[in-house]
Amino acid sequence: DPVNVTARARENMRALCRIAREEQVVLAPALLDFLLADRHPDFVTDARRRRLLTLILQRFVREIEGDPQLARSVLMWDWMNEPFNMAAVVTPERFAVVQQFLKDGVDAIHRAGGMATVGMRSSRDVPFLRGRVAVDFWQLHYWPLVEGRRNPDRLGMDVRALAGPIPAGWGELPIEAG
């Protein structure tokens, strides 16, 4: 079972927020990565374990959001980086479970006082969540290849058109040399 966020991780997050404030930048920290499902698929698929994980991370977010000095450094929280890469759990039979996992996480961030996003591989992931997960920002990632195929998105496209009234933009981009 998930137990808690370690004291070291909590202190590292506080240090990161302090550095961000000093450098006058804002953060969108990812709480989870899709690799979670490789080790602990049951944290997504088992309702009890999913609830434990959600409550633990809700408390973690509330600690930061409850401190006005630290909270100024966080624009929004990314519940999970590229959840559709969770090969162990993203199957047609489990789509509803994955949607519920993402909804639960985004709702937990909101209950903790933060704004929420989910980092998506491409625009093709948006319809899977639109109307089901109440993100505050549609965040797409742009990499030339997605799952070994050319990315369906172009950097010049208007990502706002995907989201309707919800703000949208790029959350990850490669940095090209030169």
C-alpha atoms as a PDB file:
ATOM      1  CA  ASP A   1       0.000   0.000   0.000  1.00  0.00           C
ATOM      2  CA  PRO A   2       1.126   3.583  -0.510  1.00  0.00           C
ATOM      3  CA  VAL A   3       2.023   4.973   2.908  1.00  0.00           C
ATOM      4  CA  ASN A   4       3.240   8.571   2.693  1.00  0.00           C
ATOM      5  CA  VAL A   5       5.392  11.075   0.853  1.00  0.00           C
ATOM      6  CA  THR A   6       8.848  10.862   2.431  1.00  0.00           C
ATOM      7  CA  ALA A   7      10.167  13.671   4.591  1.00  0.00           C
ATOM      8  CA  ARG A   8      13.018  14.073   2.105  1.00  0.00           C
ATOM      9  CA  ALA A   9      10.604  14.533  -0.829  1.00  0.00           C
ATOM     10  CA  ARG A  10       8.576  17.085   1.158  1.00  0.00           C
ATOM     11  CA  GLU A  11      11.706  19.049   2.050  1.00  0.00           C
ATOM     12  CA  ASN A  12      12.953  18.870  -1.548  1.00  0.00           C
ATOM     13  CA  MET A  13       9.629  20.289  -2.755  1.00  0.00           C
ATOM     14  CA  ARG A  14       9.858  23.122  -0.241  1.00  0.00           C
ATOM     15  CA  ALA A  15      13.428  23.854  -1.378  1.00  0.00           C
ATOM     16  CA  LEU A  16      12.352  23.801  -5.026  1.00  0.00           C
ATOM     17  CA  CYS A  17       9.559  26.286  -4.275  1.00  0.00           C
ATOM     18  CA  ARG A  18      11.959  28.594  -2.432  1.00  0.00           C
ATOM     19  CA  ILE A  19      14.441  28.502  -5.338  1.00  0.00           C
ATOM     20  CA  ALA A  20      11.648  29.136  -7.847  1.00  0.00           C
ATOM     21  CA  ARG A  21      10.508  32.170  -5.856  1.00  0.00           C
ATOM     22  CA  GLU A  22      14.074  33.517  -5.706  1.00  0.00           C
ATOM     23  CA  GLU A  23      14.497  32.994  -9.459  1.00  0.00           C
ATOM     24  CA  GLN A  24      11.026  34.435 -10.162  1.00  0.00           C
ATOM     25  CA  VAL A  25       9.729  31.396 -12.035  1.00  0.00           C
ATOM     26  CA  VAL A  26       6.609  29.332 -11.467  1.00  0.00           C
ATOM     27  CA  LEU A  27       6.373  25.565 -11.409  1.00  0.00           C
ATOM     28  CA  ALA A  28       4.022  22.875 -12.681  1.00  0.00           C
ATOM     29  CA  PRO A  29       5.369  19.904 -10.717  1.00  0.00           C
ATOM     30  CA  ALA A  30       4.338  16.411 -11.811  1.00  0.00           C
ATOM     31  CA  LEU A  31       3.206  14.365  -8.836  1.00  0.00           C
ATOM     32  CA  LEU A  32       3.300  11.016 -10.648  1.00  0.00           C
ATOM     33  CA  ASP A  33       4.838   9.529 -13.761  1.00  0.00           C
ATOM     34  CA  PHE A  34       3.449   6.792 -15.991  1.00  0.00           C
ATOM     35  CA  LEU A  35       6.238   4.503 -14.753  1.00  0.00           C
ATOM     36  CA  LEU A  36       4.209   4.115 -11.546  1.00  0.00           C
ATOM     37  CA  ALA A  37       2.130   1.464 -13.327  1.00  0.00           C
ATOM     38  CA  ASP A  38       5.193  -0.629 -14.136  1.00  0.00           C
ATOM     39  CA  ARG A  39       5.857  -1.192 -10.439  1.00  0.00           C
ATOM     40  CA  HIS A  40       2.443  -0.657  -8.883  1.00  0.00           C
ATOM     41  CA  PRO A  41      -0.383  -1.134 -11.411  1.00  0.00           C
ATOM     42  CA  ASP A  42      -2.710  -1.754  -8.476  1.00  0.00           C
ATOM     43  CA  PHE A  43      -2.264   1.882  -7.345  1.00  0.00           C
ATOM     44  CA  VAL A  44      -4.330   2.678 -10.451  1.00  0.00           C
ATOM     45  CA  THR A  45      -6.584  -0.368 -10.784  1.00  0.00           C
ATOM     46  CA  ASP A  46      -7.423  -1.176  -7.149  1.00  0.00           C
ATOM     47  CA  ALA A  47      -9.970   1.310  -5.764  1.00  0.00           C
ATOM     48  CA  ARG A  48      -8.704   1.117  -2.163  1.00  0.00           C
ATOM     49  CA  ARG A  49      -5.048   1.638  -3.082  1.00  0.00           C
ATOM     50  CA  ARG A  50      -5.991   4.359  -5.559  1.00  0.00           C
ATOM     51  CA  ARG A  51      -7.857   6.172  -2.775  1.00  0.00           C
ATOM     52  CA  LEU A  52      -4.884   5.867  -0.392  1.00  0.00           C
ATOM     53  CA  LEU A  53      -2.489   7.269  -2.996  1.00  0.00           C
ATOM     54  CA  THR A  54      -4.875  10.104  -3.818  1.00  0.00           C
ATOM     55  CA  LEU A  55      -5.278  11.085  -0.153  1.00  0.00           C
ATOM     56  CA  ILE A  56      -1.506  10.990   0.446  1.00  0.00           C
ATOM     57  CA  LEU A  57      -0.821  13.266  -2.515  1.00  0.00           C
ATOM     58  CA  GLN A  58      -3.729  15.541  -1.604  1.00  0.00           C
ATOM     59  CA  ARG A  59      -2.080  16.113   1.814  1.00  0.00           C
ATOM     60  CA  PHE A  60       1.261  16.774   0.078  1.00  0.00           C
ATOM     61  CA  VAL A  61      -0.283  19.404  -2.212  1.00  0.00           C
ATOM     62  CA  ARG A  62      -2.197  20.953   0.711  1.00  0.00           C
ATOM     63  CA  GLU A  63       1.099  21.391   2.628  1.00  0.00           C
ATOM     64  CA  ILE A  64       2.489  23.542  -0.179  1.00  0.00           C
ATOM     65  CA  GLU A  65      -0.767  25.302  -1.053  1.00  0.00           C
ATOM     66  CA  GLY A  66      -1.291  26.084   2.643  1.00  0.00           C
ATOM     67  CA  ASP A  67       1.949  28.057   2.826  1.00  0.00           C
ATOM     68  CA  PRO A  68       1.450  31.361   0.955  1.00  0.00           C
ATOM     69  CA  GLN A  69       5.181  31.803   0.351  1.00  0.00           C
ATOM     70  CA  LEU A  70       5.571  28.357  -1.213  1.00  0.00           C
ATOM     71  CA  ALA A  71       2.213  28.355  -3.016  1.00  0.00           C
ATOM     72  CA  ARG A  72       3.214  31.430  -5.035  1.00  0.00           C
ATOM     73  CA  SER A  73       5.825  29.268  -6.744  1.00  0.00           C
ATOM     74  CA  VAL A  74       3.335  26.680  -8.029  1.00  0.00           C
ATOM     75  CA  LEU A  75       1.141  27.627 -10.964  1.00  0.00           C
ATOM     76  CA  MET A  76      -0.506  24.206 -11.147  1.00  0.00           C
ATOM     77  CA  TRP A  77       0.084  20.571 -10.272  1.00  0.00           C
ATOM     78  CA  ASP A  78       0.398  17.874 -12.917  1.00  0.00           C
ATOM     79  CA  TRP A  79      -1.358  14.802 -11.482  1.00  0.00           C
ATOM     80  CA  MET A  80       0.462  12.461 -13.847  1.00  0.00           C
ATOM     81  CA  ASN A  81       2.970  12.792 -16.641  1.00  0.00           C
ATOM     82  CA  GLU A  82       1.700  11.046 -19.801  1.00  0.00           C
ATOM     83  CA  PRO A  83      -0.722   8.580 -18.196  1.00  0.00           C
ATOM     84  CA  PHE A  84      -1.505   6.973 -21.538  1.00  0.00           C
ATOM     85  CA  ASN A  85       1.987   5.504 -21.513  1.00  0.00           C
ATOM     86  CA  MET A  86       0.992   3.234 -18.607  1.00  0.00           C
ATOM     87  CA  ALA A  87       1.256   0.115 -20.750  1.00  0.00           C
ATOM     88  CA  ALA A  88       0.462  -2.134 -17.789  1.00  0.00           C
ATOM     89  CA  VAL A  89      -2.985  -0.606 -17.266  1.00  0.00           C
ATOM     90  CA  VAL A  90      -4.114   1.356 -20.342  1.00  0.00           C
ATOM     91  CA  THR A  91      -6.164  -1.279 -22.097  1.00  0.00           C
ATOM     92  CA  PRO A  92      -9.682  -1.039 -23.556  1.00  0.00           C
ATOM     93  CA  GLU A  93     -11.050  -3.007 -20.600  1.00  0.00           C
ATOM     94  CA  ARG A  94      -9.566  -0.507 -18.148  1.00  0.00           C
ATOM     95  CA  PHE A  95     -10.236   2.832 -19.866  1.00  0.00           C
ATOM     96  CA  ALA A  96     -12.908   3.717 -17.298  1.00  0.00           C
ATOM     97  CA  VAL A  97     -10.540   2.844 -14.432  1.00  0.00           C
ATOM     98  CA  VAL A  98      -7.784   5.048 -15.878  1.00  0.00           C
ATOM     99  CA  GLN A  99     -10.253   7.900 -16.372  1.00  0.00           C
ATOM    100  CA  GLN A 100     -11.400   7.509 -12.759  1.00  0.00           C
ATOM    101  CA  PHE A 101      -7.792   7.500 -11.520  1.00  0.00           C
ATOM    102  CA  LEU A 102      -7.104  10.766 -13.361  1.00  0.00           C
ATOM    103  CA  LYS A 103     -10.387  12.322 -12.217  1.00  0.00           C
ATOM    104  CA  ASP A 104      -9.708  11.352  -8.601  1.00  0.00           C
ATOM    105  CA  GLY A 105      -6.239  12.884  -8.736  1.00  0.00           C
ATOM    106  CA  VAL A 106      -7.316  16.148 -10.339  1.00  0.00           C
ATOM    107  CA  ASP A 107     -10.203  16.444  -7.876  1.00  0.00           C
ATOM    108  CA  ALA A 108      -7.780  15.833  -4.962  1.00  0.00           C
ATOM    109  CA  ILE A 109      -5.535  18.663  -6.172  1.00  0.00           C
ATOM    110  CA  HIS A 110      -8.565  20.954  -6.292  1.00  0.00           C
ATOM    111  CA  ARG A 111      -9.630  19.933  -2.764  1.00  0.00           C
ATOM    112  CA  ALA A 112      -6.082  20.775  -1.606  1.00  0.00           C
ATOM    113  CA  GLY A 113      -6.424  24.280  -3.040  1.00  0.00           C
ATOM    114  CA  GLY A 114      -4.361  23.934  -6.223  1.00  0.00           C
ATOM    115  CA  MET A 115      -4.961  24.098  -9.934  1.00  0.00           C
ATOM    116  CA  ALA A 116      -4.512  20.870 -11.881  1.00  0.00           C
ATOM    117  CA  THR A 117      -3.382  19.517 -15.222  1.00  0.00           C
ATOM    118  CA  VAL A 118      -2.492  16.158 -16.748  1.00  0.00           C
ATOM    119  CA  GLY A 119       0.489  16.020 -19.124  1.00  0.00           C
ATOM    120  CA  MET A 120      -0.694  14.435 -22.380  1.00  0.00           C
ATOM    121  CA  ARG A 121       1.455  12.862 -25.116  1.00  0.00           C
ATOM    122  CA  SER A 122      -0.470  14.545 -27.915  1.00  0.00           C
ATOM    123  CA  SER A 123      -3.809  16.035 -28.879  1.00  0.00           C
ATOM    124  CA  ARG A 124      -5.132  12.518 -29.465  1.00  0.00           C
ATOM    125  CA  ASP A 125      -5.332  12.030 -25.691  1.00  0.00           C
ATOM    126  CA  VAL A 126      -7.631  15.035 -25.116  1.00  0.00           C
ATOM    127  CA  PRO A 127     -10.955  13.416 -26.184  1.00  0.00           C
ATOM    128  CA  PHE A 128     -10.338  10.571 -23.738  1.00  0.00           C
ATOM    129  CA  LEU A 129     -10.495  13.071 -20.844  1.00  0.00           C
ATOM    130  CA  ARG A 130     -12.581  16.007 -22.095  1.00  0.00           C
ATOM    131  CA  GLY A 131     -15.759  16.219 -20.051  1.00  0.00           C
ATOM    132  CA  ARG A 132     -14.523  13.555 -17.618  1.00  0.00           C
ATOM    133  CA  VAL A 133     -11.566  15.199 -15.856  1.00  0.00           C
ATOM    134  CA  ALA A 134     -11.833  18.825 -14.713  1.00  0.00           C
ATOM    135  CA  VAL A 135      -8.332  20.072 -15.523  1.00  0.00           C
ATOM    136  CA  ASP A 136      -7.626  23.797 -15.291  1.00  0.00           C
ATOM    137  CA  PHE A 137      -5.180  23.674 -18.208  1.00  0.00           C
ATOM    138  CA  TRP A 138      -4.923  21.250 -21.144  1.00  0.00           C
ATOM    139  CA  GLN A 139      -1.220  20.483 -21.314  1.00  0.00           C
ATOM    140  CA  LEU A 140       0.160  18.776 -24.418  1.00  0.00           C
ATOM    141  CA  HIS A 141       3.672  17.495 -24.926  1.00  0.00           C
ATOM    142  CA  TYR A 142       5.449  17.840 -28.229  1.00  0.00           C
ATOM    143  CA  TRP A 143       8.108  15.356 -29.257  1.00  0.00           C
ATOM    144  CA  PRO A 144       8.864  14.588 -32.917  1.00  0.00           C
ATOM    145  CA  LEU A 145       7.987  10.910 -32.355  1.00  0.00           C
ATOM    146  CA  VAL A 146       5.137   9.485 -30.277  1.00  0.00           C
ATOM    147  CA  GLU A 147       5.307   5.726 -29.742  1.00  0.00           C
ATOM    148  CA  GLY A 148       7.766   5.425 -32.624  1.00  0.00           C
ATOM    149  CA  ARG A 149       5.494   7.278 -35.067  1.00  0.00           C
ATOM    150  CA  ARG A 150       5.574  10.859 -36.239  1.00  0.00           C
ATOM    151  CA  ASN A 151       3.741  13.144 -33.803  1.00  0.00           C
ATOM    152  CA  PRO A 152       0.230  13.946 -35.100  1.00  0.00           C
ATOM    153  CA  ASP A 153       0.544  17.509 -33.777  1.00  0.00           C
ATOM    154  CA  ARG A 154       2.446  20.473 -35.195  1.00  0.00           C
ATOM    155  CA  LEU A 155       4.019  23.126 -33.031  1.00  0.00           C
ATOM    156  CA  GLY A 156       2.173  25.844 -34.950  1.00  0.00           C
ATOM    157  CA  MET A 157      -1.279  24.400 -34.282  1.00  0.00           C
ATOM    158  CA  ASP A 158      -3.741  26.238 -32.071  1.00  0.00           C
ATOM    159  CA  VAL A 159      -3.950  23.950 -29.036  1.00  0.00           C
ATOM    160  CA  ARG A 160      -6.632  26.187 -27.542  1.00  0.00           C
ATOM    161  CA  ALA A 161      -9.102  24.887 -30.126  1.00  0.00           C
ATOM    162  CA  LEU A 162      -8.921  21.443 -28.476  1.00  0.00           C
ATOM    163  CA  ALA A 163     -10.043  22.578 -25.081  1.00  0.00           C
ATOM    164  CA  GLY A 164     -12.900  25.002 -25.647  1.00  0.00           C
ATOM    165  CA  PRO A 165     -13.026  27.494 -22.783  1.00  0.00           C
ATOM    166  CA  ILE A 166     -10.182  25.871 -20.810  1.00  0.00           C
ATOM    167  CA  PRO A 167      -6.676  27.314 -21.330  1.00  0.00           C
ATOM    168  CA  ALA A 168      -4.296  25.042 -23.225  1.00  0.00           C
ATOM    169  CA  GLY A 169      -0.668  24.982 -24.255  1.00  0.00           C
ATOM    170  CA  TRP A 170       2.543  23.040 -24.572  1.00  0.00           C
ATOM    171  CA  GLY A 171       3.966  21.547 -21.388  1.00  0.00           C
ATOM    172  CA  GLU A 172       7.015  19.753 -22.821  1.00  0.00           C
ATOM    173  CA  LEU A 173       9.073  20.545 -25.867  1.00  0.00           C
ATOM    174  CA  PRO A 174      12.515  19.395 -26.994  1.00  0.00           C
ATOM    175  CA  ILE A 175      15.224  22.026 -26.937  1.00  0.00           C
ATOM    176  CA  GLU A 176      16.996  22.096 -30.259  1.00  0.00           C
ATOM    177  CA  ALA A 177      20.687  22.944 -30.340  1.00  0.00           C
ATOM    178  CA  GLY A 178      21.632  26.123 -32.190  1.00  0.00           C
END
